[in-house]
Protein backbone atom coordinates (compact mmCIF):
# COMPACT_ATOMS: atom_id res chain seq x y z
CA THR A 1 9.58 -1.00 -11.21
CA PHE A 2 9.22 1.06 -8.00
CA ILE A 3 7.78 0.05 -4.89
CA PHE A 4 5.41 1.58 -2.12
CA ALA A 5 4.22 0.21 0.80
CA ALA A 6 1.82 2.28 3.30
CA VAL A 7 0.65 1.50 7.03
CA VAL A 8 -2.07 3.30 8.18
CA VAL A 9 -2.25 3.47 12.09
CA ASP A 10 -5.40 5.79 12.68
CA THR A 11 -9.13 4.68 11.76
CA ASN A 12 -9.85 8.28 11.30
CA ALA A 13 -11.69 8.50 7.78
CA ASN A 14 -9.51 11.46 6.88
CA ILE A 15 -6.32 9.54 7.42
CA TRP A 16 -7.52 7.20 4.92
CA TYR A 17 -8.91 9.43 2.17
CA GLU A 18 -5.46 11.16 2.13
CA THR A 19 -3.17 7.73 1.91
CA VAL A 20 -5.68 6.94 -0.83
CA LYS A 21 -5.34 10.23 -2.77
CA PHE A 22 -1.66 10.21 -2.49
CA ALA A 23 -1.71 6.59 -3.68
CA ARG A 24 -3.72 7.62 -6.75
CA GLN A 25 -1.46 10.84 -7.31
CA VAL A 26 1.65 8.52 -7.35
CA LEU A 27 -0.09 6.35 -10.17
CA ARG A 28 -1.62 9.19 -12.24
CA ARG A 29 1.72 11.70 -12.05
CA LEU A 30 3.82 8.41 -13.00
CA GLU A 31 1.72 8.32 -16.07
CA ASP A 32 1.93 11.72 -17.12
CA PHE A 33 5.88 11.10 -16.78
CA ASN A 34 5.90 7.99 -18.78
CA LYS A 35 4.05 10.13 -21.75
CA ARG A 36 5.98 12.87 -21.29
CA ASN A 37 9.24 11.05 -21.33
CA ASN A 38 8.06 7.65 -23.68
CA LEU A 39 8.85 5.65 -20.86
CA ASN A 40 7.44 2.35 -19.28
CA ILE A 41 7.99 2.96 -15.70
CA SER A 42 5.82 1.08 -13.10
CA VAL A 43 4.97 1.06 -9.39
CA ARG A 44 3.23 -1.37 -7.20
CA ILE A 45 1.36 -0.01 -3.91
CA GLY A 46 0.38 -1.88 -1.10
CA ILE A 47 -1.67 -0.48 1.97
CA ASN A 48 -2.52 -2.24 4.96
CA ASN A 49 -3.54 -1.14 8.70
CA GLY A 50 -2.67 -2.15 12.13
CA ARG A 51 -0.70 -1.38 15.29
CA VAL A 52 3.09 -1.06 14.60
CA VAL A 53 6.38 0.12 16.54
CA ALA A 54 7.96 3.34 15.61
CA GLY A 55 11.50 4.74 16.36
CA VAL A 56 14.35 6.33 15.34
CA ILE A 57 17.55 4.03 14.92
CA GLY A 58 21.27 5.01 14.33
CA LYS A 59 24.19 6.52 16.21
CA THR A 60 25.53 9.07 13.30
CA LYS A 61 22.62 8.61 10.84
CA PHE A 62 19.71 8.62 12.05
CA ILE A 63 16.60 6.89 10.24
CA TYR A 64 12.65 6.69 11.48
CA ASP A 65 11.32 3.32 10.93
CA LEU A 66 8.09 1.33 11.46
CA TRP A 67 8.02 -2.32 12.52
CA GLY A 68 5.40 -4.94 12.90
CA GLU A 69 3.13 -7.56 11.08
CA PRO A 70 1.00 -4.48 9.33
CA VAL A 71 4.23 -3.25 7.91
CA ASN A 72 5.18 -6.52 6.83
CA LEU A 73 1.72 -7.61 5.32
CA ALA A 74 1.58 -4.09 3.33
CA TRP A 75 5.44 -5.13 2.12
CA ARG A 76 3.76 -8.49 0.87
CA LEU A 77 0.81 -6.79 -0.71
CA GLN A 78 2.76 -4.82 -2.85
CA THR A 79 5.34 -7.53 -3.60
CA ASN A 80 2.40 -9.43 -4.86
CA GLY A 81 0.57 -6.59 -6.53
CA ILE A 82 -0.01 -5.55 -10.08
CA ALA A 83 1.97 -2.96 -11.72
CA ASN A 84 0.45 0.35 -11.47
CA SER A 85 -2.35 -0.63 -9.10
CA ILE A 86 -3.17 -0.11 -5.17
CA HIS A 87 -3.18 -3.70 -3.55
CA VAL A 88 -5.12 -3.94 -0.23
CA ALA A 89 -5.87 -6.67 2.38
CA GLY A 90 -9.54 -7.38 3.74
CA ARG A 91 -9.34 -5.04 6.78
CA VAL A 92 -8.49 -2.11 4.53
CA LYS A 93 -11.40 -2.83 2.06
CA SER A 94 -13.90 -2.89 4.97
CA ILE A 95 -12.79 0.64 6.23
CA LEU A 96 -13.01 2.20 2.80
CA ASP A 97 -16.01 -0.07 1.73
CA GLY A 98 -18.91 2.28 0.37
CA LYS A 99 -16.38 4.96 -0.44
CA TYR A 100 -14.34 3.29 -3.10
CA ASP A 101 -14.70 0.29 -5.64
CA PHE A 102 -12.91 -2.73 -5.17
CA GLU A 103 -11.99 -5.62 -7.39
CA GLU A 104 -11.38 -8.95 -5.45
CA ARG A 105 -8.05 -10.87 -6.44
CA GLY A 106 -8.90 -13.83 -4.19
CA SER A 107 -7.16 -15.11 -1.40
CA LEU A 108 -3.34 -15.27 -1.84
CA ASP A 109 -0.61 -17.30 0.00
CA MET A 110 1.83 -14.64 1.92
CA LYS A 111 4.66 -15.82 3.53
CA GLY A 112 4.32 -15.44 7.13
CA PHE A 113 0.25 -14.67 6.67
CA GLY A 114 -0.97 -17.60 5.25
CA SER A 115 -4.03 -17.31 3.09
CA VAL A 116 -5.00 -13.40 2.80
CA LYS A 117 -7.92 -12.44 1.00
CA THR A 118 -6.85 -9.26 -0.97
CA PHE A 119 -8.45 -6.48 -3.39
CA LEU A 120 -7.60 -4.15 -6.09
CA LEU A 121 -8.81 -0.46 -5.20
CA LYS A 122 -10.17 1.13 -8.05
């Protein structure tokens, strides 16, 4: 299983549509790859939003990274997600509601966050 966690900082609708479009493409391409190669590789995707701290770390090998609660929740969403699905928190659903269909997963206990109402993006 591969993992993918995304955090969208901007509330600009185009950014959200591109993020969802990318996540859906990952699922479609993986499905095609599995069919062509008779494999069963899966991916879990978690998407969240919020303010983060970003920066470059390292002295000889530089790495760009993001830190903050939104990143941690995106990670928890994918960890608690279902294979080959896009798992989002309630805030993300409220931003995308009316543009996409969602399936409610209910409230899940997420380490460091307590009970979080979550949804699967269809």
